[in-house]
N, C-alpha and C. Protein backbone atom coordinates (compact mmCIF):
# COMPACT_ATOMS: atom_id res chain seq x y z
N MET A 1 1.08 -1.12 -0.03
CA MET A 1 -0.27 -0.42 -0.09
C MET A 1 0.98 1.37 0.34
N PRO A 2 0.47 2.34 -0.79
CA PRO A 2 1.19 3.41 -0.74
C PRO A 2 1.30 4.35 0.67
N LYS A 3 2.47 4.99 0.75
CA LYS A 3 2.57 5.58 1.78
C LYS A 3 1.62 7.06 1.58
N PRO A 4 0.79 7.66 2.21
CA PRO A 4 0.02 8.66 2.27
C PRO A 4 0.86 9.89 2.24
N HIS A 5 0.51 10.88 1.53
CA HIS A 5 1.32 11.88 1.01
C HIS A 5 0.68 13.13 1.59
N THR A 6 1.72 14.13 2.33
CA THR A 6 1.18 15.14 2.71
C THR A 6 1.15 16.45 2.01
N TYR A 7 0.64 17.19 0.97
CA TYR A 7 1.07 18.41 0.34
C TYR A 7 0.11 19.58 0.82
N ASP A 8 0.57 20.49 0.03
CA ASP A 8 0.11 21.55 -0.11
C ASP A 8 -0.46 22.42 -1.32
N TYR A 9 -1.38 22.89 -1.38
CA TYR A 9 -2.00 23.23 -2.85
C TYR A 9 -2.62 24.88 -2.62
N ALA A 10 -2.74 25.33 -3.60
CA ALA A 10 -3.32 26.77 -3.80
C ALA A 10 -3.95 26.73 -4.92
N ILE A 11 -5.42 27.35 -5.01
CA ILE A 11 -6.43 27.57 -6.12
C ILE A 11 -5.87 29.05 -7.18
N VAL A 12 -5.34 28.59 -8.12
CA VAL A 12 -5.05 29.92 -9.25
C VAL A 12 -6.42 30.89 -9.66
N ARG A 13 -5.96 31.95 -9.09
CA ARG A 13 -7.52 32.71 -10.06
C ARG A 13 -6.99 33.43 -10.59
N VAL A 14 -8.27 33.84 -11.97
CA VAL A 14 -7.99 34.97 -12.54
C VAL A 14 -8.87 36.12 -12.42
N VAL A 15 -7.77 37.37 -12.00
CA VAL A 15 -8.91 38.58 -11.72
C VAL A 15 -8.62 39.55 -12.51
N PRO A 16 -9.83 39.51 -13.66
CA PRO A 16 -9.83 40.77 -15.03
C PRO A 16 -9.56 41.83 -14.42
N ARG A 17 -10.39 42.34 -13.51
CA ARG A 17 -10.30 43.78 -12.86
C ARG A 17 -10.01 43.89 -11.35
N VAL A 18 -8.59 44.05 -11.05
CA VAL A 18 -8.34 43.81 -9.73
C VAL A 18 -9.10 44.94 -8.80
N ASP A 19 -8.76 45.93 -9.45
CA ASP A 19 -10.02 46.83 -8.52
C ASP A 19 -11.00 46.72 -8.05
N ARG A 20 -11.88 45.55 -8.58
CA ARG A 20 -12.90 44.84 -8.32
C ARG A 20 -12.77 43.72 -7.43
N GLY A 21 -11.87 43.35 -7.81
CA GLY A 21 -11.58 41.88 -6.48
C GLY A 21 -12.17 40.52 -7.21
N GLU A 22 -13.19 40.69 -7.90
CA GLU A 22 -13.92 39.41 -8.69
C GLU A 22 -12.82 38.62 -9.26
N PHE A 23 -13.73 37.13 -9.06
CA PHE A 23 -12.32 36.35 -9.90
C PHE A 23 -13.08 34.98 -10.09
N VAL A 24 -12.14 34.39 -11.26
CA VAL A 24 -12.68 33.15 -11.83
C VAL A 24 -11.72 31.87 -11.05
N ASN A 25 -12.01 31.04 -10.56
CA ASN A 25 -10.75 30.10 -10.53
C ASN A 25 -10.29 29.27 -11.83
N ALA A 26 -9.11 29.03 -11.76
CA ALA A 26 -8.53 28.40 -13.23
C ALA A 26 -7.83 27.68 -13.12
N GLY A 27 -7.46 27.08 -11.58
CA GLY A 27 -6.24 25.93 -11.47
C GLY A 27 -6.13 26.19 -10.36
N VAL A 28 -5.08 24.49 -10.06
CA VAL A 28 -4.65 24.32 -8.79
C VAL A 28 -3.05 24.02 -9.07
N ILE A 29 -2.45 24.52 -7.98
CA ILE A 29 -0.72 24.61 -7.80
C ILE A 29 -0.87 23.45 -6.55
N LEU A 30 -0.45 22.39 -6.87
CA LEU A 30 -0.17 21.30 -5.77
C LEU A 30 1.40 21.19 -5.77
N SER A 31 1.81 20.91 -3.92
CA SER A 31 3.40 20.64 -4.15
C SER A 31 3.67 19.59 -2.97
N CYS A 32 4.34 18.77 -3.08
CA CYS A 32 4.84 17.33 -1.93
C CYS A 32 6.41 17.43 -2.20
N ALA A 33 6.85 18.11 -1.58
CA ALA A 33 8.61 18.20 -1.57
C ALA A 33 8.74 16.77 -1.15
N ALA A 34 8.20 16.13 -0.03
CA ALA A 34 8.82 14.91 0.05
C ALA A 34 9.04 13.67 -1.36
N ALA A 35 7.99 13.98 -2.11
CA ALA A 35 7.60 13.36 -3.59
C ALA A 35 8.32 13.93 -4.73
N GLY A 36 8.75 14.86 -4.33
CA GLY A 36 9.71 16.16 -5.51
C GLY A 36 8.41 16.72 -6.48
N PHE A 37 7.36 16.61 -6.22
CA PHE A 37 6.11 16.70 -6.57
C PHE A 37 5.80 18.57 -6.46
N LEU A 38 5.45 19.11 -7.84
CA LEU A 38 5.02 20.65 -7.77
C LEU A 38 4.81 20.39 -9.23
N ARG A 39 3.20 20.82 -9.29
CA ARG A 39 2.47 20.76 -10.80
C ARG A 39 1.27 21.84 -10.64
N ALA A 40 0.89 22.26 -11.50
CA ALA A 40 -0.05 23.21 -12.03
C ALA A 40 -0.94 22.91 -12.83
N PHE A 41 -2.28 22.72 -12.57
CA PHE A 41 -3.00 22.31 -13.57
C PHE A 41 -4.02 23.07 -13.90
N ILE A 42 -4.01 23.50 -15.29
CA ILE A 42 -4.90 24.88 -15.61
C ILE A 42 -6.10 24.56 -16.60
N GLU A 43 -7.40 25.28 -16.49
CA GLU A 43 -8.27 25.20 -17.09
C GLU A 43 -8.95 26.14 -16.88
N LEU A 44 -8.83 27.41 -18.29
CA LEU A 44 -9.58 28.26 -17.93
C LEU A 44 -10.87 28.64 -18.69
N ASP A 45 -11.79 29.17 -17.91
CA ASP A 45 -13.13 28.82 -18.67
C ASP A 45 -13.23 30.30 -18.88
N GLU A 46 -13.01 30.66 -20.29
CA GLU A 46 -13.04 32.40 -20.98
C GLU A 46 -14.46 32.81 -20.93
N ASP A 47 -15.44 31.87 -20.95
CA ASP A 47 -16.66 32.69 -20.86
C ASP A 47 -16.99 33.34 -19.31
N ARG A 48 -16.94 32.50 -18.52
CA ARG A 48 -16.88 33.36 -16.77
C ARG A 48 -15.97 34.29 -16.64
N VAL A 49 -14.64 34.23 -17.69
CA VAL A 49 -13.69 35.63 -17.14
C VAL A 49 -14.32 36.71 -17.93
N ARG A 50 -15.17 36.64 -19.18
CA ARG A 50 -15.65 37.65 -20.14
C ARG A 50 -17.03 37.98 -19.52
N ALA A 51 -17.68 37.10 -18.60
CA ALA A 51 -18.75 37.68 -18.02
C ALA A 51 -18.38 38.76 -16.61
N LEU A 52 -17.44 38.63 -16.22
CA LEU A 52 -17.10 39.53 -15.10
C LEU A 52 -15.94 40.80 -15.78
N ASP A 53 -15.74 40.76 -17.12
CA ASP A 53 -15.00 42.00 -17.77
C ASP A 53 -14.97 41.47 -19.41
N PRO A 54 -16.13 41.97 -19.81
CA PRO A 54 -16.22 41.53 -21.25
C PRO A 54 -14.82 42.10 -22.43
N SER A 55 -13.94 42.94 -21.53
CA SER A 55 -12.88 43.40 -22.11
C SER A 55 -11.46 43.15 -21.36
N ALA A 56 -11.41 41.81 -21.27
CA ALA A 56 -10.30 41.27 -20.42
C ALA A 56 -9.19 41.04 -21.56
N ASP A 57 -8.26 41.16 -21.19
CA ASP A 57 -7.19 40.57 -22.15
C ASP A 57 -6.97 39.09 -22.17
N LEU A 58 -7.60 38.48 -22.81
CA LEU A 58 -7.57 37.05 -22.63
C LEU A 58 -6.11 36.29 -23.20
N ASP A 59 -5.75 36.93 -24.05
CA ASP A 59 -4.16 36.60 -24.61
C ASP A 59 -3.32 36.81 -23.16
N ALA A 60 -3.18 37.85 -22.70
CA ALA A 60 -2.39 38.34 -21.58
C ALA A 60 -2.21 36.89 -20.56
N ILE A 61 -3.95 36.98 -20.02
CA ILE A 61 -4.13 35.82 -19.14
C ILE A 61 -3.57 34.35 -19.38
N ARG A 62 -3.76 34.31 -20.83
CA ARG A 62 -3.53 32.62 -21.04
C ARG A 62 -1.94 32.59 -20.96
N ALA A 63 -1.12 33.69 -21.74
CA ALA A 63 0.42 33.66 -21.71
C ALA A 63 0.54 33.73 -20.00
N ALA A 64 0.03 34.18 -19.01
CA ALA A 64 0.37 34.23 -17.82
C ALA A 64 0.16 33.04 -17.05
N LEU A 65 -1.13 32.28 -17.23
CA LEU A 65 -1.18 31.02 -16.59
C LEU A 65 -0.33 29.86 -17.43
N ALA A 66 -0.27 29.94 -18.89
CA ALA A 66 0.75 29.18 -19.39
C ALA A 66 2.23 28.90 -18.46
N ALA A 67 2.54 29.97 -18.28
CA ALA A 67 4.29 30.13 -17.39
C ALA A 67 3.86 29.52 -16.24
N LEU A 68 2.83 29.19 -15.63
CA LEU A 68 2.75 28.46 -13.92
C LEU A 68 3.11 26.97 -14.18
N PRO A 69 2.63 26.30 -15.19
CA PRO A 69 3.16 24.92 -15.15
C PRO A 69 5.27 24.98 -15.42
N ARG A 70 5.26 25.70 -16.34
CA ARG A 70 7.07 25.83 -17.01
C ARG A 70 7.69 25.98 -15.45
N ILE A 71 6.94 27.31 -14.42
CA ILE A 71 7.80 27.77 -13.39
C ILE A 71 7.68 26.27 -12.26
N CYS A 72 6.70 25.38 -12.59
CA CYS A 72 6.54 24.23 -11.57
C CYS A 72 7.47 23.43 -12.03
N ALA A 73 7.91 23.22 -13.32
CA ALA A 73 8.66 21.63 -14.07
C ALA A 73 10.06 22.74 -13.60
N GLY A 74 10.38 23.60 -13.36
CA GLY A 74 11.65 24.36 -13.21
C GLY A 74 12.65 24.40 -14.50
N GLY A 75 13.86 24.63 -14.04
CA GLY A 75 14.95 24.80 -15.40
C GLY A 75 14.99 25.92 -16.36
N ASP A 76 15.73 26.08 -17.17
CA ASP A 76 16.00 27.44 -17.73
C ASP A 76 14.81 27.88 -18.22
N ASP A 77 14.00 27.19 -18.96
CA ASP A 77 12.78 27.39 -19.54
C ASP A 77 11.81 28.08 -18.76
N ALA A 78 11.92 28.39 -17.56
CA ALA A 78 11.20 29.02 -16.75
C ALA A 78 11.91 30.31 -16.19
N GLY A 79 13.10 30.52 -16.56
CA GLY A 79 13.88 31.64 -16.34
C GLY A 79 14.18 31.60 -14.94
N PRO A 80 14.69 32.85 -14.22
CA PRO A 80 15.38 32.84 -12.84
C PRO A 80 14.67 32.31 -12.08
N VAL A 81 13.23 32.02 -11.82
CA VAL A 81 12.53 31.56 -11.15
C VAL A 81 12.64 29.95 -10.87
N GLY A 82 13.01 29.33 -12.30
CA GLY A 82 13.23 28.26 -12.59
C GLY A 82 14.42 27.00 -12.14
N ARG A 83 15.16 27.91 -11.73
CA ARG A 83 16.49 27.71 -11.05
C ARG A 83 16.49 27.49 -9.72
N LEU A 84 15.17 27.94 -8.89
CA LEU A 84 15.14 27.87 -7.26
C LEU A 84 14.72 26.35 -6.72
N SER A 85 14.91 26.46 -5.86
CA SER A 85 14.34 24.70 -5.36
C SER A 85 12.78 24.54 -5.27
N LEU A 86 12.08 23.48 -5.45
CA LEU A 86 10.83 23.18 -5.35
C LEU A 86 10.03 23.73 -4.69
N ARG A 87 10.68 23.89 -3.22
CA ARG A 87 10.00 24.38 -2.42
C ARG A 87 9.55 26.29 -2.64
N GLU A 88 10.87 26.83 -2.78
CA GLU A 88 11.15 28.41 -3.27
C GLU A 88 10.13 28.72 -4.49
N ARG A 89 10.28 27.36 -5.32
CA ARG A 89 9.20 27.99 -6.44
C ARG A 89 7.88 28.06 -6.22
N PHE A 90 7.44 27.00 -5.34
CA PHE A 90 5.99 26.82 -4.68
C PHE A 90 5.80 28.53 -3.93
N ASP A 91 6.60 28.75 -3.30
CA ASP A 91 6.45 29.77 -2.36
C ASP A 91 6.31 31.39 -3.06
N TRP A 92 6.91 31.26 -4.10
CA TRP A 92 7.15 32.16 -5.26
C TRP A 92 5.92 32.11 -5.77
N LEU A 93 5.12 31.27 -6.10
CA LEU A 93 3.93 30.94 -6.99
C LEU A 93 2.81 31.47 -6.24
N VAL A 94 2.66 31.16 -5.11
CA VAL A 94 1.79 31.60 -3.97
C VAL A 94 1.83 32.60 -3.29
N ALA A 95 3.05 33.19 -3.46
CA ALA A 95 2.98 34.80 -2.83
C ALA A 95 1.79 35.74 -3.27
N PRO A 96 1.40 36.36 -1.97
CA PRO A 96 0.45 37.31 -2.42
C PRO A 96 0.71 38.30 -3.36
N ARG A 97 0.23 38.53 -4.33
CA ARG A 97 0.21 39.59 -5.38
C ARG A 97 -1.06 40.32 -5.79
N SER A 98 -1.03 41.56 -6.43
CA SER A 98 -2.02 42.37 -6.91
C SER A 98 -1.99 42.25 -8.62
N SER A 99 -2.49 41.32 -9.24
CA SER A 99 -2.50 41.41 -10.48
C SER A 99 -3.22 40.45 -11.33
N SER A 100 -3.74 40.38 -12.40
CA SER A 100 -4.98 39.44 -12.73
C SER A 100 -4.57 37.62 -12.65
N ILE A 101 -3.56 37.16 -12.30
CA ILE A 101 -3.16 35.97 -11.66
C ILE A 101 -2.76 36.20 -10.08
N GLN A 102 -3.47 35.26 -9.35
CA GLN A 102 -3.41 35.30 -7.94
C GLN A 102 -4.09 33.88 -7.37
N THR A 103 -3.63 33.78 -6.44
CA THR A 103 -3.64 32.35 -5.84
C THR A 103 -4.72 32.60 -4.37
N SER A 104 -5.31 31.71 -4.26
CA SER A 104 -6.04 31.51 -2.45
C SER A 104 -4.67 31.04 -1.72
N PRO A 105 -5.34 31.27 -0.38
CA PRO A 105 -4.36 31.20 0.83
C PRO A 105 -3.91 29.48 0.38
N VAL A 106 -2.53 29.19 0.83
CA VAL A 106 -2.46 27.54 0.90
C VAL A 106 -3.01 26.88 1.99
N HIS A 107 -3.71 25.34 1.37
CA HIS A 107 -3.94 24.69 2.09
C HIS A 107 -3.29 23.45 2.60
N THR A 108 -3.45 22.68 3.23
CA THR A 108 -2.87 21.42 3.27
C THR A 108 -3.80 20.02 3.49
N GLY A 109 -3.34 19.17 2.44
CA GLY A 109 -3.91 17.72 2.15
C GLY A 109 -3.20 16.59 2.51
N ARG A 110 -3.57 15.75 3.03
CA ARG A 110 -2.90 14.21 2.99
C ARG A 110 -3.78 13.43 1.38
N CYS A 111 -3.42 12.51 0.78
CA CYS A 111 -3.75 11.46 -0.18
C CYS A 111 -2.53 10.37 -0.30
N ASP A 112 -3.24 9.40 -1.12
CA ASP A 112 -1.96 8.01 -1.34
C ASP A 112 -1.70 8.72 -2.80
N ASP A 113 -2.46 9.52 -3.57
CA ASP A 113 -2.18 9.61 -5.32
C ASP A 113 -1.98 11.11 -5.24
N LEU A 114 -0.88 11.78 -5.74
CA LEU A 114 -1.52 13.26 -5.45
C LEU A 114 -1.67 13.89 -6.95
N ASP A 115 -1.68 12.95 -8.31
CA ASP A 115 -2.37 13.30 -9.36
C ASP A 115 -3.70 13.22 -9.15
N SER A 116 -4.38 12.10 -8.52
CA SER A 116 -6.01 11.97 -8.33
C SER A 116 -6.30 13.11 -7.23
N ALA A 117 -5.40 13.34 -6.36
CA ALA A 117 -5.86 14.68 -5.48
C ALA A 117 -5.95 15.83 -5.88
N ALA A 118 -4.86 16.13 -7.01
CA ALA A 118 -5.46 17.37 -8.00
C ALA A 118 -6.42 17.43 -8.95
N GLU A 119 -6.77 16.26 -9.52
CA GLU A 119 -7.94 16.16 -10.34
C GLU A 119 -9.17 16.25 -9.82
N ARG A 120 -9.26 15.66 -7.84
CA ARG A 120 -10.46 16.15 -7.56
C ARG A 120 -10.40 17.66 -7.01
N LEU A 121 -9.46 18.02 -6.93
CA LEU A 121 -9.47 19.56 -6.58
C LEU A 121 -9.91 20.21 -7.90
N MET A 122 -9.26 19.82 -9.04
CA MET A 122 -9.73 20.48 -10.12
C MET A 122 -11.54 20.53 -10.33
N GLN A 123 -12.24 19.52 -10.16
CA GLN A 123 -13.57 19.14 -10.08
C GLN A 123 -14.20 19.87 -9.06
N ARG A 124 -13.56 19.67 -7.62
CA ARG A 124 -14.31 20.61 -6.78
C ARG A 124 -14.19 22.00 -7.11
N MET A 125 -13.06 22.51 -7.14
CA MET A 125 -12.77 24.10 -7.07
C MET A 125 -12.82 24.73 -8.83
N VAL A 126 -12.81 23.90 -10.03
CA VAL A 126 -12.43 25.06 -10.97
C VAL A 126 -13.68 24.78 -12.08
N ARG A 127 -13.64 23.20 -11.97
CA ARG A 127 -14.66 22.95 -13.06
C ARG A 127 -16.27 23.75 -12.82
N ARG A 128 -16.97 24.05 -13.63
CA ARG A 128 -18.48 24.01 -13.81
C ARG A 128 -19.08 22.81 -12.87
N PRO A 129 -19.80 22.92 -12.18
CA PRO A 129 -20.70 21.79 -11.21
C PRO A 129 -21.63 21.43 -12.46
């Protein structure tokens, strides 16, 4: 039987108008340092973003969201942040910021399968019911 993993996660939010503070959940960043696991799972519902701001710059939002999995993977493709340790990259990704891409507070969970945990979080927190 696999050993349970303790993991940290944050929900990725798209905030098309920072001044209004309204957001659409667009993904999950999940980290388990003990397993060497740091991944971002992204699914942007552009219709929901447009409902909050019809003039939202979706190209810029898509580009910013696309950077998250690269940063999680690390390496030169992720720029200077990609050279940080796994935990440092997670901390950088979830740091509070005032931009169109933000994250929720960090939460902790336990599971036997990290990919399955991410899928459950995506289903519960990101996808439409």
